[in-house]
């Protein structure tokens, strides 16, 4: 139960991170702190997926077999075209027929209906929360044994060893239960106008103190340092920055919250810690986070509480602000919008050091970076060994280094496979930070995100003092915890479900 909740929490974090994000942007050569960019995004390699499909030494002839494959790619024409290309290559190499269903609307409702009717797709993809739910419902084949074996398209090591350690840990619901194989992740970065930084005499900052110095120099040079969208909690920057900074300042308290000892605060552990007073939003560490953010706010556009994310992106692409925060998915659209007018790059949330705070752990904390586009196989395929073999082969093909690289080149989808070499223009998205271990603001509930954001707006504009804001957060989180306990049947008597 504890492991399941850890997976649930990680997935909710991803959902929270992705909500409200716009589409993509940039390119370039890597530096010590970020990646600069100016060239156009290249088209997908025409030969990569074909090479992968034809290159497996264990490839078999699957002529006569049809697999129904479902995915939610929305209306993204580039993503659909890239997917259809790799599927066509696979069909040509194996003789199999793939019936591809891109369900752009109500994907989860469609899947639930299909499974209820006993007609679920043979292979489909989803986020961790959904795949965990489906596995628990008995819909999905267990990948546990497959993780120990080589992939037909990436030989020389166990399939599980091609995943980063922290991603692999997330995929095990229990020691012997794995709902699928993840292929991509999205990472939050600060996009910066390289030309403005150079003009202001700035280097790319790596620490918070350097970041504040850069903001001041940009301001002195007549630039608006940061486009900070804060019109709604869906604009995310307030939640993103506070999540990273709070985790950088409270790492020493993690052991008191993390009852299971797995290195992450699970949802019921967070509730338990708050109810027992171990977690409080009036702590000196969290107060310091909010103080740092308010000091940072003097470098934002004056209308930040009315600025939405799309407008912030537009301001950045027009050269009206020097920096903006966004997901890696913003790379393509920002590149197109900037259209070579200036060079730009990406960097993580800067590291808070002891020079800035006595509570600093000295390492930044990643935002996003959770497993995404997880391929799963319908458990009913076990009734037909040949179809099951074909489904496994198709999933291993779709997760192969060549296919992941083709998606990376076409649509900037960041591959998880450690066997895949990222293009230079995406190296700034390589995760070098520590994992987000306590999702204070994005992984609890939409109600809590709304409370935290609305209170933050009042604090930033001066309607609430720091102490009043922290008291407001405690009062609001009390309401949220009461609802979580009622929904899950948790209480002090059953140790908040931790003994289940």
Protein backbone atom coordinates (compact mmCIF):
# COMPACT_ATOMS: atom_id res chain seq x y z
CA UNK A 1 0.00 0.00 0.00
CA UNK A 2 2.81 2.39 0.88
CA UNK A 3 4.57 1.75 -2.41
CA UNK A 4 1.32 2.23 -4.30
CA UNK A 5 0.80 5.57 -2.63
CA UNK A 6 4.33 6.60 -3.51
CA UNK A 7 3.59 5.90 -7.17
CA UNK A 8 0.26 7.69 -6.91
CA UNK A 9 1.92 10.73 -5.40
CA UNK A 10 4.62 10.82 -8.06
CA UNK A 11 2.01 10.66 -10.78
CA UNK A 12 -0.10 13.38 -9.21
CA UNK A 13 3.03 15.49 -9.10
CA UNK A 14 3.49 14.99 -12.83
CA UNK A 15 -0.12 15.89 -13.50
CA UNK A 16 0.31 19.01 -11.43
CA UNK A 17 3.49 19.93 -13.26
CA UNK A 18 1.98 19.52 -16.69
CA UNK A 19 -1.29 21.33 -16.09
CA UNK A 20 -1.43 24.68 -17.84
CA UNK A 21 1.75 24.21 -19.89
CA UNK A 22 1.90 25.53 -23.41
CA UNK A 23 3.61 23.87 -26.35
CA UNK A 24 7.44 23.94 -27.14
CA UNK A 25 10.81 25.79 -28.30
CA UNK A 26 14.83 26.25 -28.75
CA UNK A 27 18.18 24.65 -29.84
CA UNK A 28 22.01 24.65 -29.32
CA UNK A 29 25.36 23.94 -27.69
CA UNK A 30 25.70 23.13 -24.01
CA UNK A 31 27.46 25.19 -21.38
CA UNK A 32 28.19 24.57 -17.72
CA UNK A 33 24.90 26.07 -16.59
CA UNK A 34 22.56 25.84 -19.50
CA UNK A 35 22.07 25.26 -23.19
CA UNK A 36 22.01 28.09 -25.71
CA UNK A 37 19.87 27.93 -28.80
CA UNK A 38 19.25 29.57 -32.11
CA UNK A 39 18.94 27.01 -34.91
CA UNK A 40 15.66 25.55 -36.10
CA UNK A 41 14.50 22.20 -34.74
CA UNK A 42 15.52 19.47 -37.22
CA UNK A 43 13.11 17.02 -38.72
CA UNK A 44 13.06 13.46 -37.44
CA UNK A 45 15.63 11.12 -38.88
CA UNK A 46 14.01 9.18 -41.69
CA UNK A 47 16.17 6.15 -41.03
CA UNK A 48 16.31 5.90 -37.25
CA UNK A 49 13.04 4.06 -36.65
CA UNK A 50 13.44 1.95 -39.77
CA UNK A 51 16.91 0.94 -38.62
CA UNK A 52 15.58 -0.04 -35.20
CA UNK A 53 12.70 -2.03 -36.65
CA UNK A 54 14.94 -3.94 -39.03
CA UNK A 55 18.03 -4.19 -36.86
CA UNK A 56 16.92 -6.53 -34.07
CA UNK A 57 18.75 -9.86 -34.16
CA UNK A 58 15.72 -11.47 -32.54
CA UNK A 59 13.16 -9.86 -34.86
CA UNK A 60 10.43 -12.28 -35.89
CA UNK A 61 7.89 -12.45 -38.65
CA UNK A 62 4.56 -11.38 -37.21
CA UNK A 63 2.63 -11.53 -40.47
CA UNK A 64 -1.05 -12.14 -39.88
CA UNK A 65 -1.05 -10.62 -36.40
CA UNK A 66 -2.95 -7.41 -35.68
CA UNK A 67 -2.32 -5.30 -32.60
CA UNK A 68 -4.65 -2.51 -31.54
CA UNK A 69 -2.54 0.38 -30.24
CA UNK A 70 -4.04 3.42 -28.51
CA UNK A 71 -2.48 6.70 -27.47
CA UNK A 72 -3.55 10.25 -26.71
CA UNK A 73 -1.48 12.55 -28.90
CA UNK A 74 -4.14 15.22 -29.04
CA UNK A 75 -4.18 17.30 -32.22
CA UNK A 76 -0.41 17.71 -32.43
CA UNK A 77 0.22 17.12 -36.13
CA UNK A 78 3.97 16.65 -35.69
CA UNK A 79 3.52 14.06 -32.92
CA UNK A 80 0.94 12.18 -34.98
CA UNK A 81 3.13 12.21 -38.08
CA UNK A 82 6.18 11.01 -36.15
CA UNK A 83 4.20 8.19 -34.55
CA UNK A 84 2.67 7.06 -37.83
CA UNK A 85 6.15 7.01 -39.39
CA UNK A 86 7.70 4.74 -36.75
CA UNK A 87 4.64 2.46 -36.84
CA UNK A 88 4.86 2.17 -40.63
CA UNK A 89 8.54 1.27 -40.37
CA UNK A 90 7.70 -1.43 -37.85
CA UNK A 91 4.91 -2.86 -39.98
CA UNK A 92 7.22 -2.98 -43.00
CA UNK A 93 9.96 -4.79 -41.06
CA UNK A 94 7.80 -7.35 -39.22
CA UNK A 95 4.71 -7.89 -41.36
CA UNK A 96 2.48 -7.05 -38.42
CA UNK A 97 -0.59 -4.82 -38.67
CA UNK A 98 -0.88 -2.02 -36.12
CA UNK A 99 -4.32 -0.45 -35.77
CA UNK A 100 -3.38 2.93 -34.35
CA UNK A 101 -6.05 4.85 -32.44
CA UNK A 102 -5.16 8.40 -31.48
CA UNK A 103 -7.90 9.29 -29.00
CA UNK A 104 -7.67 13.06 -28.77
CA UNK A 105 -10.72 13.57 -26.56
CA UNK A 106 -11.67 11.81 -23.31
CA UNK A 107 -8.91 9.23 -23.68
CA UNK A 108 -9.34 7.78 -20.21
CA UNK A 109 -13.10 7.53 -20.62
CA UNK A 110 -12.60 5.73 -23.93
CA UNK A 111 -10.16 3.29 -22.33
CA UNK A 112 -12.47 2.60 -19.40
CA UNK A 113 -15.34 1.89 -21.79
CA UNK A 114 -13.19 -0.42 -23.91
CA UNK A 115 -11.91 -2.40 -20.95
CA UNK A 116 -15.38 -2.65 -19.41
CA UNK A 117 -16.58 -4.20 -22.66
CA UNK A 118 -13.62 -6.61 -22.76
CA UNK A 119 -12.22 -4.80 -25.80
CA UNK A 120 -9.27 -2.93 -24.37
CA UNK A 121 -6.40 -2.16 -26.78
CA UNK A 122 -3.55 -4.65 -26.94
CA UNK A 123 -0.98 -1.93 -26.30
CA UNK A 124 -1.53 1.61 -25.06
CA UNK A 125 0.30 4.37 -23.24
CA UNK A 126 -0.50 6.48 -20.23
CA UNK A 127 0.95 8.39 -17.28
CA UNK A 128 2.06 6.61 -14.13
CA UNK A 129 -1.07 7.26 -12.11
CA UNK A 130 -3.35 5.86 -14.81
CA UNK A 131 -1.16 2.84 -15.54
CA UNK A 132 -0.95 2.09 -11.83
CA UNK A 133 -4.74 2.27 -11.55
CA UNK A 134 -5.18 -0.02 -14.55
CA UNK A 135 -2.62 -2.50 -13.23
CA UNK A 136 -4.39 -2.64 -9.87
CA UNK A 137 -7.66 -3.25 -11.74
CA UNK A 138 -6.14 -6.30 -13.44
CA UNK A 139 -6.00 -4.85 -16.95
CA UNK A 140 -2.24 -4.85 -17.51
CA UNK A 141 0.46 -7.44 -18.10
CA UNK A 142 3.28 -7.49 -15.52
CA UNK A 143 6.60 -6.28 -16.98
CA UNK A 144 8.63 -7.47 -13.98
CA UNK A 145 10.26 -10.43 -15.76
CA UNK A 146 10.81 -8.37 -18.92
CA UNK A 147 12.75 -5.78 -16.93
CA UNK A 148 15.32 -8.46 -16.09
CA UNK A 149 15.83 -9.43 -19.74
CA UNK A 150 17.43 -7.72 -22.73
CA UNK A 151 15.27 -5.70 -25.07
CA UNK A 152 15.23 -7.06 -28.61
CA UNK A 153 16.20 -3.55 -29.74
CA UNK A 154 18.81 -2.63 -27.11
CA UNK A 155 20.97 -5.65 -26.37
CA UNK A 156 23.82 -6.01 -23.92
CA UNK A 157 22.04 -5.19 -20.67
CA UNK A 158 18.83 -5.84 -18.78
CA UNK A 159 15.97 -3.68 -20.04
CA UNK A 160 15.56 -2.08 -16.60
CA UNK A 161 19.18 -0.90 -16.69
CA UNK A 162 18.44 1.49 -19.55
CA UNK A 163 16.34 3.59 -17.15
CA UNK A 164 17.73 6.20 -14.74
CA UNK A 165 17.72 4.82 -11.20
CA UNK A 166 15.04 7.13 -9.83
CA UNK A 167 12.73 6.42 -12.78
CA UNK A 168 13.19 2.68 -12.42
CA UNK A 169 12.34 2.93 -8.71
CA UNK A 170 9.08 4.69 -9.59
CA UNK A 171 8.03 1.94 -11.96
CA UNK A 172 8.04 -0.83 -9.34
CA UNK A 173 4.65 -0.74 -7.61
CA UNK A 174 5.92 -3.60 -5.44
CA UNK A 175 9.09 -5.63 -5.78
CA UNK A 176 7.43 -7.84 -8.40
CA UNK A 177 4.83 -5.56 -10.01
CA UNK A 178 5.65 -3.32 -12.99
CA UNK A 179 2.80 -1.87 -15.11
CA UNK A 180 4.80 -0.96 -18.22
CA UNK A 181 7.89 0.74 -19.61
CA UNK A 182 8.33 4.55 -19.59
CA UNK A 183 9.90 6.33 -22.54
CA UNK A 184 9.96 10.03 -21.86
CA UNK A 185 9.88 12.78 -19.27
CA UNK A 186 9.23 16.51 -19.18
CA UNK A 187 11.53 18.85 -17.29
CA UNK A 188 10.95 22.42 -16.11
CA UNK A 189 13.65 24.93 -17.01
CA UNK A 190 14.22 28.68 -16.97
CA UNK A 191 14.53 29.96 -20.54
CA UNK A 192 16.92 32.91 -20.76
CA UNK A 193 17.71 35.44 -23.48
CA UNK A 194 21.43 34.95 -24.00
CA UNK A 195 21.81 38.25 -25.82
CA UNK A 196 20.31 40.24 -22.94
CA UNK A 197 22.54 38.50 -20.40
CA UNK A 198 25.63 39.30 -22.46
CA UNK A 199 24.57 42.91 -22.93
CA UNK A 200 24.13 43.29 -19.17
CA UNK A 201 27.56 41.72 -18.56
CA UNK A 202 26.15 38.56 -17.00
CA UNK A 203 27.18 34.92 -16.99
CA UNK A 204 24.57 32.19 -16.72
CA UNK A 205 23.93 31.87 -12.96
CA UNK A 206 24.20 28.59 -11.09
CA UNK A 207 23.46 29.75 -7.53
CA UNK A 208 20.55 31.75 -6.16
CA UNK A 209 22.86 34.62 -5.15
CA UNK A 210 24.22 34.76 -8.70
CA UNK A 211 20.66 34.59 -10.06
CA UNK A 212 19.61 37.62 -8.00
CA UNK A 213 22.75 39.46 -9.12
CA UNK A 214 21.89 38.72 -12.77
CA UNK A 215 18.34 40.00 -12.24
CA UNK A 216 19.68 43.24 -10.75
CA UNK A 217 22.16 43.75 -13.58
CA UNK A 218 19.46 43.12 -16.17
CA UNK A 219 17.23 45.64 -14.42
CA UNK A 220 20.06 48.19 -14.28
CA UNK A 221 20.60 47.69 -18.02
CA UNK A 222 16.96 48.59 -18.67
CA UNK A 223 15.58 45.07 -19.14
CA UNK A 224 12.68 43.40 -17.36
CA UNK A 225 14.39 40.34 -15.86
CA UNK A 226 11.53 37.85 -15.56
CA UNK A 227 8.10 37.21 -17.04
CA UNK A 228 6.43 35.50 -14.08
CA UNK A 229 2.89 34.30 -14.88
CA UNK A 230 0.76 34.16 -11.75
CA UNK A 231 -2.82 34.78 -12.89
CA UNK A 232 -3.97 31.32 -11.83
CA UNK A 233 -2.48 28.22 -10.24
CA UNK A 234 -2.45 26.70 -13.72
CA UNK A 235 0.26 29.18 -14.67
CA UNK A 236 2.48 27.19 -12.31
CA UNK A 237 5.58 29.33 -11.79
CA UNK A 238 4.67 30.18 -8.18
CA UNK A 239 4.13 26.49 -7.43
CA UNK A 240 7.21 25.37 -9.38
CA UNK A 241 9.68 27.80 -7.83
CA UNK A 242 8.32 27.25 -4.32
CA UNK A 243 8.49 23.47 -4.70
CA UNK A 244 12.15 23.59 -5.69
CA UNK A 245 13.17 26.14 -3.08
CA UNK A 246 11.19 24.52 -0.28
CA UNK A 247 12.83 21.17 -0.99
CA UNK A 248 16.25 22.79 -1.12
CA UNK A 249 15.67 24.26 2.33
CA UNK A 250 13.87 21.40 4.12
CA UNK A 251 15.94 18.37 3.14
CA UNK A 252 17.03 17.91 6.76
CA UNK A 253 13.39 17.43 7.76
CA UNK A 254 12.68 14.73 5.16
CA UNK A 255 13.56 11.82 7.46
CA UNK A 256 10.90 12.94 9.95
CA UNK A 257 8.22 12.83 7.23
CA UNK A 258 9.44 9.80 5.28
CA UNK A 259 8.18 7.02 7.54
CA UNK A 260 8.76 4.29 4.96
CA UNK A 261 12.36 5.37 4.40
CA UNK A 262 12.11 5.23 0.61
CA UNK A 263 13.48 8.74 0.20
CA UNK A 264 10.17 10.34 -0.81
CA UNK A 265 7.24 11.77 1.15
CA UNK A 266 4.14 9.77 0.26
CA UNK A 267 0.70 11.31 0.42
CA UNK A 268 -0.36 9.70 3.67
CA UNK A 269 3.05 10.44 5.20
CA UNK A 270 2.52 14.12 4.42
CA UNK A 271 -0.91 14.04 6.05
CA UNK A 272 0.46 12.22 9.09
CA UNK A 273 3.35 14.69 9.44
CA UNK A 274 0.99 17.68 9.29
CA UNK A 275 -1.54 16.19 11.70
CA UNK A 276 1.22 15.38 14.19
CA UNK A 277 2.93 18.75 13.84
CA UNK A 278 6.09 17.49 12.14
CA UNK A 279 5.17 19.47 9.03
CA UNK A 280 4.03 23.06 9.43
CA UNK A 281 3.99 25.92 6.98
CA UNK A 282 5.10 28.29 9.73
CA UNK A 283 8.54 26.64 9.93
CA UNK A 284 11.58 28.87 9.57
CA UNK A 285 12.66 26.93 6.48
CA UNK A 286 9.40 27.46 4.57
CA UNK A 287 9.18 31.07 5.72
CA UNK A 288 12.59 31.59 4.18
CA UNK A 289 11.35 30.14 0.90
CA UNK A 290 8.47 32.61 0.73
CA UNK A 291 10.78 35.47 1.73
CA UNK A 292 13.21 34.63 -1.08
CA UNK A 293 10.34 34.51 -3.56
CA UNK A 294 8.97 37.89 -2.49
CA UNK A 295 12.42 39.41 -2.86
CA UNK A 296 12.63 37.82 -6.32
CA UNK A 297 9.24 39.33 -7.29
CA UNK A 298 10.68 42.84 -7.60
CA UNK A 299 12.28 41.66 -10.85
CA UNK A 300 9.01 40.53 -12.45
CA UNK A 301 6.65 42.46 -14.68
CA UNK A 302 4.41 44.63 -12.54
CA UNK A 303 1.26 42.81 -13.66
CA UNK A 304 2.45 39.34 -12.60
CA UNK A 305 -0.78 38.50 -10.73
CA UNK A 306 -2.69 39.06 -13.97
CA UNK A 307 -0.12 37.54 -16.34
CA UNK A 308 -0.88 34.13 -17.85
CA UNK A 309 1.69 31.66 -19.13
CA UNK A 310 0.99 32.10 -22.82
CA UNK A 311 1.40 35.87 -22.56
CA UNK A 312 4.65 35.38 -20.63
CA UNK A 313 5.95 33.16 -23.44
CA UNK A 314 4.91 35.76 -26.00
CA UNK A 315 6.72 38.50 -24.08
CA UNK A 316 9.86 36.39 -23.96
CA UNK A 317 9.75 35.59 -27.68
CA UNK A 318 9.33 39.31 -28.48
CA UNK A 319 12.34 40.21 -26.32
CA UNK A 320 10.27 42.06 -23.72
CA UNK A 321 11.52 39.99 -20.77
CA UNK A 322 14.88 38.31 -20.28
CA UNK A 323 13.67 35.07 -18.69
CA UNK A 324 10.59 32.89 -18.38
CA UNK A 325 9.96 29.46 -16.90
CA UNK A 326 8.46 26.53 -18.78
CA UNK A 327 8.47 22.85 -19.56
CA UNK A 328 10.77 21.25 -22.11
CA UNK A 329 7.67 21.00 -24.30
CA UNK A 330 7.91 24.79 -24.75
CA UNK A 331 11.11 24.34 -26.76
CA UNK A 332 9.65 23.94 -30.24
CA UNK A 333 7.08 26.74 -30.12
CA UNK A 334 9.51 29.22 -28.55
CA UNK A 335 12.09 28.47 -31.21
CA UNK A 336 9.50 29.15 -33.90
CA UNK A 337 8.29 32.32 -32.17
CA UNK A 338 11.79 33.73 -31.63
CA UNK A 339 12.63 32.82 -35.23
CA UNK A 340 16.34 33.54 -34.83
CA UNK A 341 15.86 37.05 -33.45
CA UNK A 342 18.14 36.22 -30.53
CA UNK A 343 19.91 33.28 -28.96
CA UNK A 344 18.42 31.70 -25.89
CA UNK A 345 19.17 28.83 -23.57
CA UNK A 346 17.85 26.94 -20.57
CA UNK A 347 18.94 26.41 -16.99
CA UNK A 348 17.48 24.76 -13.89
CA UNK A 349 16.23 26.62 -10.83
CA UNK A 350 19.51 27.89 -9.32
CA UNK A 351 21.07 26.20 -6.32
CA UNK A 352 20.61 27.86 -2.94
CA UNK A 353 23.88 27.79 -1.05
CA UNK A 354 24.84 28.42 2.56
CA UNK A 355 25.72 31.97 1.56
CA UNK A 356 22.01 32.57 0.99
CA UNK A 357 20.46 30.31 3.66
CA UNK A 358 21.73 28.32 6.61
CA UNK A 359 19.15 25.67 5.68
CA UNK A 360 20.45 25.10 2.14
CA UNK A 361 21.42 21.55 1.17
CA UNK A 362 23.58 22.92 -1.65
CA UNK A 363 21.87 21.24 -4.59
CA UNK A 364 19.00 22.26 -6.84
CA UNK A 365 15.81 20.21 -7.02
CA UNK A 366 14.32 19.10 -10.32
CA UNK A 367 10.79 20.02 -11.35
CA UNK A 368 9.06 17.47 -13.55
CA UNK A 369 11.33 14.60 -14.48
CA UNK A 370 8.73 11.92 -13.78
CA UNK A 371 8.09 8.87 -16.03
CA UNK A 372 5.69 9.62 -18.87
CA UNK A 373 4.33 7.89 -21.99
CA UNK A 374 4.45 4.50 -20.31
CA UNK A 375 3.67 1.64 -22.69
CA UNK A 376 1.54 -1.14 -21.24
CA UNK A 377 0.19 -4.42 -22.59
CA UNK A 378 -3.35 -5.72 -22.14
CA UNK A 379 -3.29 -8.71 -19.78
CA UNK A 380 -5.70 -10.50 -22.12
CA UNK A 381 -2.80 -10.92 -24.55
CA UNK A 382 -1.58 -13.69 -22.25
CA UNK A 383 -4.33 -15.86 -23.74
CA UNK A 384 -2.56 -15.80 -27.13
CA UNK A 385 1.18 -16.44 -26.81
CA UNK A 386 1.99 -15.26 -30.33
CA UNK A 387 0.09 -12.00 -29.82
CA UNK A 388 1.79 -11.49 -26.47
CA UNK A 389 5.21 -11.96 -28.06
CA UNK A 390 4.27 -9.47 -30.77
CA UNK A 391 3.00 -6.94 -28.21
CA UNK A 392 6.23 -7.22 -26.20
CA UNK A 393 8.29 -6.79 -29.36
CA UNK A 394 6.26 -3.72 -30.37
CA UNK A 395 6.68 -2.08 -26.96
CA UNK A 396 10.41 -2.77 -26.98
CA UNK A 397 10.60 -1.27 -30.46
CA UNK A 398 8.65 1.86 -29.43
CA UNK A 399 10.96 2.31 -26.44
CA UNK A 400 14.18 1.59 -28.36
CA UNK A 401 17.00 4.17 -28.51
CA UNK A 402 16.51 4.73 -32.26
CA UNK A 403 12.78 5.36 -31.97
CA UNK A 404 13.18 7.56 -28.92
CA UNK A 405 15.80 9.56 -30.79
CA UNK A 406 13.44 9.99 -33.74
CA UNK A 407 10.76 11.44 -31.43
CA UNK A 408 13.39 13.61 -29.77
CA UNK A 409 14.45 15.03 -33.14
CA UNK A 410 10.90 15.51 -34.42
CA UNK A 411 9.07 16.90 -31.41
CA UNK A 412 11.68 17.44 -28.64
CA UNK A 413 10.29 14.55 -26.62
CA UNK A 414 12.97 13.87 -24.01
CA UNK A 415 13.98 10.19 -23.97
CA UNK A 416 14.45 8.35 -20.70
CA UNK A 417 16.64 5.61 -22.14
CA UNK A 418 20.24 6.00 -21.02
CA UNK A 419 21.21 4.39 -24.33
CA UNK A 420 19.88 7.39 -26.28
CA UNK A 421 22.28 10.26 -26.99
CA UNK A 422 20.57 13.64 -26.74
CA UNK A 423 21.23 16.26 -29.45
CA UNK A 424 23.31 19.21 -28.23
CA UNK A 425 20.28 21.51 -28.33
CA UNK A 426 18.57 19.43 -25.63
CA UNK A 427 21.49 18.82 -23.29
CA UNK A 428 20.35 21.65 -21.04
CA UNK A 429 17.39 19.44 -20.14
CA UNK A 430 19.56 16.61 -18.79
CA UNK A 431 18.62 16.20 -15.13
CA UNK A 432 21.55 17.02 -12.86
CA UNK A 433 19.49 18.11 -9.85
CA UNK A 434 18.25 16.14 -6.86
CA UNK A 435 14.79 14.56 -7.07
CA UNK A 436 11.78 16.44 -5.70
CA UNK A 437 11.16 14.48 -2.52
CA UNK A 438 8.30 16.39 -0.93
CA UNK A 439 5.74 17.77 -3.43
CA UNK A 440 4.56 20.48 -1.08
CA UNK A 441 2.40 22.35 -3.55
CA UNK A 442 1.77 20.32 -6.72
CA UNK A 443 1.19 16.76 -5.56
CA UNK A 444 -1.61 17.03 -3.02
CA UNK A 445 -4.86 18.18 -4.64
CA UNK A 446 -6.25 20.87 -6.92
CA UNK A 447 -7.95 22.44 -3.90
CA UNK A 448 -4.62 22.82 -2.14
CA UNK A 449 -2.92 24.24 -5.23
CA UNK A 450 -5.68 26.84 -5.43
CA UNK A 451 -5.34 27.75 -1.74
CA UNK A 452 -1.56 28.04 -2.02
CA UNK A 453 -1.72 30.15 -5.16
CA UNK A 454 -4.47 32.55 -4.05
CA UNK A 455 -2.79 33.10 -0.71
CA UNK A 456 0.49 33.63 -2.55
CA UNK A 457 -1.06 36.34 -4.68
CA UNK A 458 -2.21 38.18 -1.56
CA UNK A 459 1.19 37.75 0.11
CA UNK A 460 3.09 39.02 -2.92
CA UNK A 461 0.90 42.10 -3.33
CA UNK A 462 1.11 42.90 0.39
CA UNK A 463 -2.44 42.02 1.51
CA UNK A 464 -1.02 39.33 3.77
CA UNK A 465 2.15 39.56 5.85
CA UNK A 466 4.56 36.61 5.88
CA UNK A 467 3.17 35.34 9.18
CA UNK A 468 -0.42 35.79 8.01
CA UNK A 469 0.33 33.88 4.80
CA UNK A 470 1.90 30.99 6.70
CA UNK A 471 -1.04 30.86 9.13
CA UNK A 472 -3.40 30.90 6.15
CA UNK A 473 -1.53 27.95 4.63
CA UNK A 474 -1.80 25.95 7.85
CA UNK A 475 -5.52 26.66 8.11
CA UNK A 476 -6.09 25.76 4.45
CA UNK A 477 -4.03 22.58 4.66
CA UNK A 478 -6.05 21.50 7.68
CA UNK A 479 -9.15 21.57 5.47
CA UNK A 480 -7.33 19.68 2.70
CA UNK A 481 -6.08 16.99 5.09
CA UNK A 482 -9.55 16.49 6.54
CA UNK A 483 -10.84 15.78 3.05
CA UNK A 484 -7.95 13.45 2.20
CA UNK A 485 -8.48 11.49 5.41
CA UNK A 486 -12.21 11.20 4.75
CA UNK A 487 -11.66 10.11 1.15
CA UNK A 488 -9.07 7.47 2.05
CA UNK A 489 -10.30 6.32 5.44
CA UNK A 490 -7.12 7.51 7.17
CA UNK A 491 -6.90 8.42 10.83
CA UNK A 492 -4.45 8.41 13.70
CA UNK A 493 -6.02 5.11 14.78
CA UNK A 494 -4.92 3.33 11.58
CA UNK A 495 -1.67 5.32 11.34
CA UNK A 496 -3.01 7.12 8.26
CA UNK A 497 -3.03 3.91 6.24
CA UNK A 498 0.70 3.37 6.65
CA UNK A 499 0.21 -0.06 8.19
CA UNK A 500 -1.92 -1.37 5.29
